[in-house]
Amino acid sequence: MQSAPFNYRRLIIWLGRIVLGGIFIYAGYSKIFAPNLMLHSFFTIRFSILANFSNFGNQVRSYQLLPEAGVYFVSHFLPPVEIVLGLLLLVGWRLRVWASIVTVILLGFIAVVTRAYLLGLQIDCGCFGKPEPLTGWTVLRDSAFFLLAALMTWFAFKEARNPHPWSMAAPEQPS
């Protein structure tokens, strides 16, 4: 059975790539550059980026889950990874791999944010680099992102089994 050129699965995949790719790029960028936008010299830029990593490290530390080495690793590793994953989602190359990774990361975000919310921790989310209180809306927003990522991943795997009718080779015409 051939798949149709346009269907709801492709729409969800397309929306997931655009929305989640943009969100991941923005989240990573804002954690690296946004809190302290000092763009006067290389030293100032470098100092500003290190200060931003330190600020994000404080937000990660406030979840009370990781040892100090884990906080350092996550605060320095996660923002660039978010940018790269966002770009890879937008490009669409090896979508099933990157969509699966994004889905797992978002599942981890939901678990951590839900835990903090249920424990009643009065902390900043740390989701987009600027202070944002952790509320029930944060949990719902992250859950919606996870649902979109899960659907995008599921449909990307389903679409891989059904070749696109426009990409199939045309049958040879007898001469």
C-alpha atoms as a PDB file:
ATOM      1  CA  MET A   1       0.000   0.000   0.000  1.00  0.00           C
ATOM      2  CA  GLN A   2       1.395   3.371  -0.992  1.00  0.00           C
ATOM      3  CA  SER A   3       1.170   6.295   1.350  1.00  0.00           C
ATOM      4  CA  ALA A   4      -0.552   9.495   0.310  1.00  0.00           C
ATOM      5  CA  PRO A   5       1.586  12.550  -0.519  1.00  0.00           C
ATOM      6  CA  PHE A   6      -0.028  14.607   2.255  1.00  0.00           C
ATOM      7  CA  ASN A   7      -1.549  13.188   5.413  1.00  0.00           C
ATOM      8  CA  TYR A   8      -1.879  13.951   9.108  1.00  0.00           C
ATOM      9  CA  ARG A   9       1.272  11.987   9.954  1.00  0.00           C
ATOM     10  CA  ARG A  10       3.404  14.164   7.686  1.00  0.00           C
ATOM     11  CA  LEU A  11       1.732  17.255   9.118  1.00  0.00           C
ATOM     12  CA  ILE A  12       2.611  16.190  12.690  1.00  0.00           C
ATOM     13  CA  ILE A  13       6.177  15.366  11.623  1.00  0.00           C
ATOM     14  CA  TRP A  14       6.528  18.728   9.898  1.00  0.00           C
ATOM     15  CA  LEU A  15       5.025  20.663  12.833  1.00  0.00           C
ATOM     16  CA  GLY A  16       7.147  18.725  15.319  1.00  0.00           C
ATOM     17  CA  ARG A  17      10.320  19.454  13.398  1.00  0.00           C
ATOM     18  CA  ILE A  18       9.572  23.180  13.118  1.00  0.00           C
ATOM     19  CA  VAL A  19       8.174  23.739  16.623  1.00  0.00           C
ATOM     20  CA  LEU A  20      10.529  21.516  18.610  1.00  0.00           C
ATOM     21  CA  GLY A  21      13.546  22.463  16.495  1.00  0.00           C
ATOM     22  CA  GLY A  22      12.845  26.143  17.114  1.00  0.00           C
ATOM     23  CA  ILE A  23      12.208  25.603  20.813  1.00  0.00           C
ATOM     24  CA  PHE A  24      15.404  23.605  21.284  1.00  0.00           C
ATOM     25  CA  ILE A  25      17.484  26.200  19.414  1.00  0.00           C
ATOM     26  CA  TYR A  26      15.941  29.024  21.435  1.00  0.00           C
ATOM     27  CA  ALA A  27      16.360  27.162  24.739  1.00  0.00           C
ATOM     28  CA  GLY A  28      20.024  26.400  24.093  1.00  0.00           C
ATOM     29  CA  TYR A  29      20.767  29.881  22.765  1.00  0.00           C
ATOM     30  CA  SER A  30      19.057  31.596  25.690  1.00  0.00           C
ATOM     31  CA  LYS A  31      20.994  29.517  28.229  1.00  0.00           C
ATOM     32  CA  ILE A  32      24.308  30.424  26.594  1.00  0.00           C
ATOM     33  CA  PHE A  33      23.818  34.037  25.503  1.00  0.00           C
ATOM     34  CA  ALA A  34      20.620  35.660  26.765  1.00  0.00           C
ATOM     35  CA  PRO A  35      21.013  36.232  30.527  1.00  0.00           C
ATOM     36  CA  ASN A  36      24.191  38.326  30.172  1.00  0.00           C
ATOM     37  CA  LEU A  37      24.363  39.854  26.701  1.00  0.00           C
ATOM     38  CA  MET A  38      27.674  41.696  26.947  1.00  0.00           C
ATOM     39  CA  LEU A  39      29.111  41.971  23.452  1.00  0.00           C
ATOM     40  CA  HIS A  40      31.992  44.455  23.860  1.00  0.00           C
ATOM     41  CA  SER A  41      35.065  42.297  23.424  1.00  0.00           C
ATOM     42  CA  PHE A  42      36.107  38.669  23.228  1.00  0.00           C
ATOM     43  CA  PHE A  43      36.987  38.667  26.925  1.00  0.00           C
ATOM     44  CA  THR A  44      33.591  40.067  27.816  1.00  0.00           C
ATOM     45  CA  ILE A  45      31.801  37.570  25.562  1.00  0.00           C
ATOM     46  CA  ARG A  46      33.765  34.703  27.053  1.00  0.00           C
ATOM     47  CA  PHE A  47      33.156  35.931  30.582  1.00  0.00           C
ATOM     48  CA  SER A  48      29.460  36.415  29.811  1.00  0.00           C
ATOM     49  CA  ILE A  49      29.094  32.883  28.442  1.00  0.00           C
ATOM     50  CA  LEU A  50      30.865  31.407  31.461  1.00  0.00           C
ATOM     51  CA  ALA A  51      28.613  33.465  33.751  1.00  0.00           C
ATOM     52  CA  ASN A  52      25.574  32.166  31.876  1.00  0.00           C
ATOM     53  CA  PHE A  53      26.749  28.569  32.278  1.00  0.00           C
ATOM     54  CA  SER A  54      27.225  29.290  35.973  1.00  0.00           C
ATOM     55  CA  ASN A  55      23.706  30.782  36.230  1.00  0.00           C
ATOM     56  CA  PHE A  56      22.246  27.745  34.472  1.00  0.00           C
ATOM     57  CA  GLY A  57      24.303  25.532  36.802  1.00  0.00           C
ATOM     58  CA  ASN A  58      22.603  27.215  39.767  1.00  0.00           C
ATOM     59  CA  GLN A  59      19.214  26.430  38.229  1.00  0.00           C
ATOM     60  CA  VAL A  60      20.210  22.789  37.663  1.00  0.00           C
ATOM     61  CA  ARG A  61      21.558  22.594  41.225  1.00  0.00           C
ATOM     62  CA  SER A  62      18.237  23.857  42.621  1.00  0.00           C
ATOM     63  CA  TYR A  63      16.513  20.631  41.478  1.00  0.00           C
ATOM     64  CA  GLN A  64      18.604  18.786  44.116  1.00  0.00           C
ATOM     65  CA  LEU A  65      19.180  15.711  41.939  1.00  0.00           C
ATOM     66  CA  LEU A  66      22.804  15.737  40.797  1.00  0.00           C
ATOM     67  CA  PRO A  67      26.178  15.877  42.505  1.00  0.00           C
ATOM     68  CA  GLU A  68      28.369  18.887  41.777  1.00  0.00           C
ATOM     69  CA  ALA A  69      30.172  17.137  38.894  1.00  0.00           C
ATOM     70  CA  GLY A  70      26.804  16.267  37.332  1.00  0.00           C
ATOM     71  CA  VAL A  71      25.614  19.856  37.682  1.00  0.00           C
ATOM     72  CA  TYR A  72      28.775  21.096  35.955  1.00  0.00           C
ATOM     73  CA  PHE A  73      28.411  18.526  33.161  1.00  0.00           C
ATOM     74  CA  VAL A  74      24.711  19.244  32.510  1.00  0.00           C
ATOM     75  CA  SER A  75      25.081  23.028  32.691  1.00  0.00           C
ATOM     76  CA  HIS A  76      27.956  23.054  30.186  1.00  0.00           C
ATOM     77  CA  PHE A  77      26.820  20.192  27.931  1.00  0.00           C
ATOM     78  CA  LEU A  78      23.032  20.579  27.623  1.00  0.00           C
ATOM     79  CA  PRO A  79      22.751  24.052  25.981  1.00  0.00           C
ATOM     80  CA  PRO A  80      25.022  23.286  22.981  1.00  0.00           C
ATOM     81  CA  VAL A  81      23.367  19.876  22.577  1.00  0.00           C
ATOM     82  CA  GLU A  82      19.948  21.553  22.511  1.00  0.00           C
ATOM     83  CA  ILE A  83      21.099  23.873  19.726  1.00  0.00           C
ATOM     84  CA  VAL A  84      22.548  21.014  17.677  1.00  0.00           C
ATOM     85  CA  LEU A  85      19.455  18.844  18.148  1.00  0.00           C
ATOM     86  CA  GLY A  86      17.210  21.752  17.173  1.00  0.00           C
ATOM     87  CA  LEU A  87      19.209  22.310  13.992  1.00  0.00           C
ATOM     88  CA  LEU A  88      19.149  18.595  13.160  1.00  0.00           C
ATOM     89  CA  LEU A  89      15.366  18.513  13.614  1.00  0.00           C
ATOM     90  CA  LEU A  90      14.979  21.486  11.294  1.00  0.00           C
ATOM     91  CA  VAL A  91      17.234  19.924   8.675  1.00  0.00           C
ATOM     92  CA  GLY A  92      15.455  16.575   8.953  1.00  0.00           C
ATOM     93  CA  TRP A  93      18.525  14.419   8.304  1.00  0.00           C
ATOM     94  CA  ARG A  94      18.201  11.062  10.105  1.00  0.00           C
ATOM     95  CA  LEU A  95      14.997  12.311  11.656  1.00  0.00           C
ATOM     96  CA  ARG A  96      14.136   9.064  13.414  1.00  0.00           C
ATOM     97  CA  VAL A  97      17.400   9.127  15.381  1.00  0.00           C
ATOM     98  CA  TRP A  98      17.219  12.783  16.443  1.00  0.00           C
ATOM     99  CA  ALA A  99      13.483  12.698  17.126  1.00  0.00           C
ATOM    100  CA  SER A 100      14.005   9.683  19.384  1.00  0.00           C
ATOM    101  CA  ILE A 101      16.767  11.476  21.290  1.00  0.00           C
ATOM    102  CA  VAL A 102      14.635  14.621  21.659  1.00  0.00           C
ATOM    103  CA  THR A 103      11.724  12.513  22.927  1.00  0.00           C
ATOM    104  CA  VAL A 104      13.910  10.850  25.562  1.00  0.00           C
ATOM    105  CA  ILE A 105      15.354  14.211  26.638  1.00  0.00           C
ATOM    106  CA  LEU A 106      11.873  15.717  26.947  1.00  0.00           C
ATOM    107  CA  LEU A 107      10.745  12.696  28.976  1.00  0.00           C
ATOM    108  CA  GLY A 108      13.656  13.362  31.329  1.00  0.00           C
ATOM    109  CA  PHE A 109      12.693  17.050  31.546  1.00  0.00           C
ATOM    110  CA  ILE A 110       9.117  16.100  32.442  1.00  0.00           C
ATOM    111  CA  ALA A 111      10.286  13.677  35.122  1.00  0.00           C
ATOM    112  CA  VAL A 112      12.588  16.247  36.737  1.00  0.00           C
ATOM    113  CA  VAL A 113      10.116  19.144  36.516  1.00  0.00           C
ATOM    114  CA  THR A 114       7.212  17.030  37.790  1.00  0.00           C
ATOM    115  CA  ARG A 115       9.306  15.776  40.711  1.00  0.00           C
ATOM    116  CA  ALA A 116      10.275  19.310  41.691  1.00  0.00           C
ATOM    117  CA  TYR A 117       6.685  20.513  41.352  1.00  0.00           C
ATOM    118  CA  LEU A 118       5.275  17.668  43.452  1.00  0.00           C
ATOM    119  CA  LEU A 119       7.931  18.257  46.137  1.00  0.00           C
ATOM    120  CA  GLY A 120       6.856  21.900  46.233  1.00  0.00           C
ATOM    121  CA  LEU A 121      10.315  23.272  45.446  1.00  0.00           C
ATOM    122  CA  GLN A 122      10.126  27.037  44.915  1.00  0.00           C
ATOM    123  CA  ILE A 123      12.690  27.191  42.123  1.00  0.00           C
ATOM    124  CA  ASP A 124      13.175  28.611  38.659  1.00  0.00           C
ATOM    125  CA  CYS A 125      12.521  26.205  35.803  1.00  0.00           C
ATOM    126  CA  GLY A 126      15.762  26.901  33.923  1.00  0.00           C
ATOM    127  CA  CYS A 127      14.040  25.961  30.692  1.00  0.00           C
ATOM    128  CA  PHE A 128      14.821  29.090  28.697  1.00  0.00           C
ATOM    129  CA  GLY A 129      17.746  30.683  30.525  1.00  0.00           C
ATOM    130  CA  LYS A 130      15.810  33.404  32.301  1.00  0.00           C
ATOM    131  CA  PRO A 131      14.158  33.120  35.713  1.00  0.00           C
ATOM    132  CA  GLU A 132      10.787  31.445  35.282  1.00  0.00           C
ATOM    133  CA  PRO A 133       9.002  30.047  38.340  1.00  0.00           C
ATOM    134  CA  LEU A 134       8.202  26.355  38.267  1.00  0.00           C
ATOM    135  CA  THR A 135       4.404  25.987  38.164  1.00  0.00           C
ATOM    136  CA  GLY A 136       1.797  23.519  37.001  1.00  0.00           C
ATOM    137  CA  TRP A 137       1.755  25.319  33.652  1.00  0.00           C
ATOM    138  CA  THR A 138       5.438  24.477  33.244  1.00  0.00           C
ATOM    139  CA  VAL A 139       4.635  20.795  33.717  1.00  0.00           C
ATOM    140  CA  LEU A 140       1.745  21.013  31.230  1.00  0.00           C
ATOM    141  CA  ARG A 141       3.873  22.890  28.671  1.00  0.00           C
ATOM    142  CA  ASP A 142       6.659  20.321  28.897  1.00  0.00           C
ATOM    143  CA  SER A 143       4.088  17.519  28.666  1.00  0.00           C
ATOM    144  CA  ALA A 144       2.675  19.057  25.479  1.00  0.00           C
ATOM    145  CA  PHE A 145       6.199  19.264  24.017  1.00  0.00           C
ATOM    146  CA  PHE A 146       6.762  15.614  24.940  1.00  0.00           C
ATOM    147  CA  LEU A 147       3.472  14.569  23.344  1.00  0.00           C
ATOM    148  CA  LEU A 148       4.407  16.374  20.124  1.00  0.00           C
ATOM    149  CA  ALA A 149       7.877  14.782  20.163  1.00  0.00           C
ATOM    150  CA  ALA A 150       6.479  11.306  20.827  1.00  0.00           C
ATOM    151  CA  LEU A 151       3.944  11.633  18.001  1.00  0.00           C
ATOM    152  CA  MET A 152       6.601  13.005  15.650  1.00  0.00           C
ATOM    153  CA  THR A 153       8.925  10.099  16.474  1.00  0.00           C
ATOM    154  CA  TRP A 154       6.183   7.481  16.134  1.00  0.00           C
ATOM    155  CA  PHE A 155       5.002   8.869  12.811  1.00  0.00           C
ATOM    156  CA  ALA A 156       8.575   9.218  11.511  1.00  0.00           C
ATOM    157  CA  PHE A 157       9.086   5.500  12.106  1.00  0.00           C
ATOM    158  CA  LYS A 158       5.731   4.681  10.472  1.00  0.00           C
ATOM    159  CA  GLU A 159       6.502   6.868   7.444  1.00  0.00           C
ATOM    160  CA  ALA A 160       9.863   5.161   6.988  1.00  0.00           C
ATOM    161  CA  ARG A 161       8.020   1.908   6.298  1.00  0.00           C
ATOM    162  CA  ASN A 162       5.804   3.485   3.631  1.00  0.00           C
ATOM    163  CA  PRO A 163       7.782   5.159   0.852  1.00  0.00           C
ATOM    164  CA  HIS A 164       6.546   8.499  -0.359  1.00  0.00           C
ATOM    165  CA  PRO A 165       4.780   8.005  -3.715  1.00  0.00           C
ATOM    166  CA  TRP A 166       6.597  10.929  -5.294  1.00  0.00           C
ATOM    167  CA  SER A 167      10.013   9.568  -4.329  1.00  0.00           C
ATOM    168  CA  MET A 168       9.469   6.112  -5.776  1.00  0.00           C
ATOM    169  CA  ALA A 169      11.154   5.292  -9.047  1.00  0.00           C
ATOM    170  CA  ALA A 170       8.817   5.347 -11.993  1.00  0.00           C
ATOM    171  CA  PRO A 171       8.221   1.992 -13.654  1.00  0.00           C
ATOM    172  CA  GLU A 172      10.176   1.493 -16.841  1.00  0.00           C
ATOM    173  CA  GLN A 173       8.245   1.996 -20.056  1.00  0.00           C
ATOM    174  CA  PRO A 174       8.610  -0.762 -22.666  1.00  0.00           C
ATOM    175  CA  SER A 175      10.294   0.477 -25.861  1.00  0.00           C
END
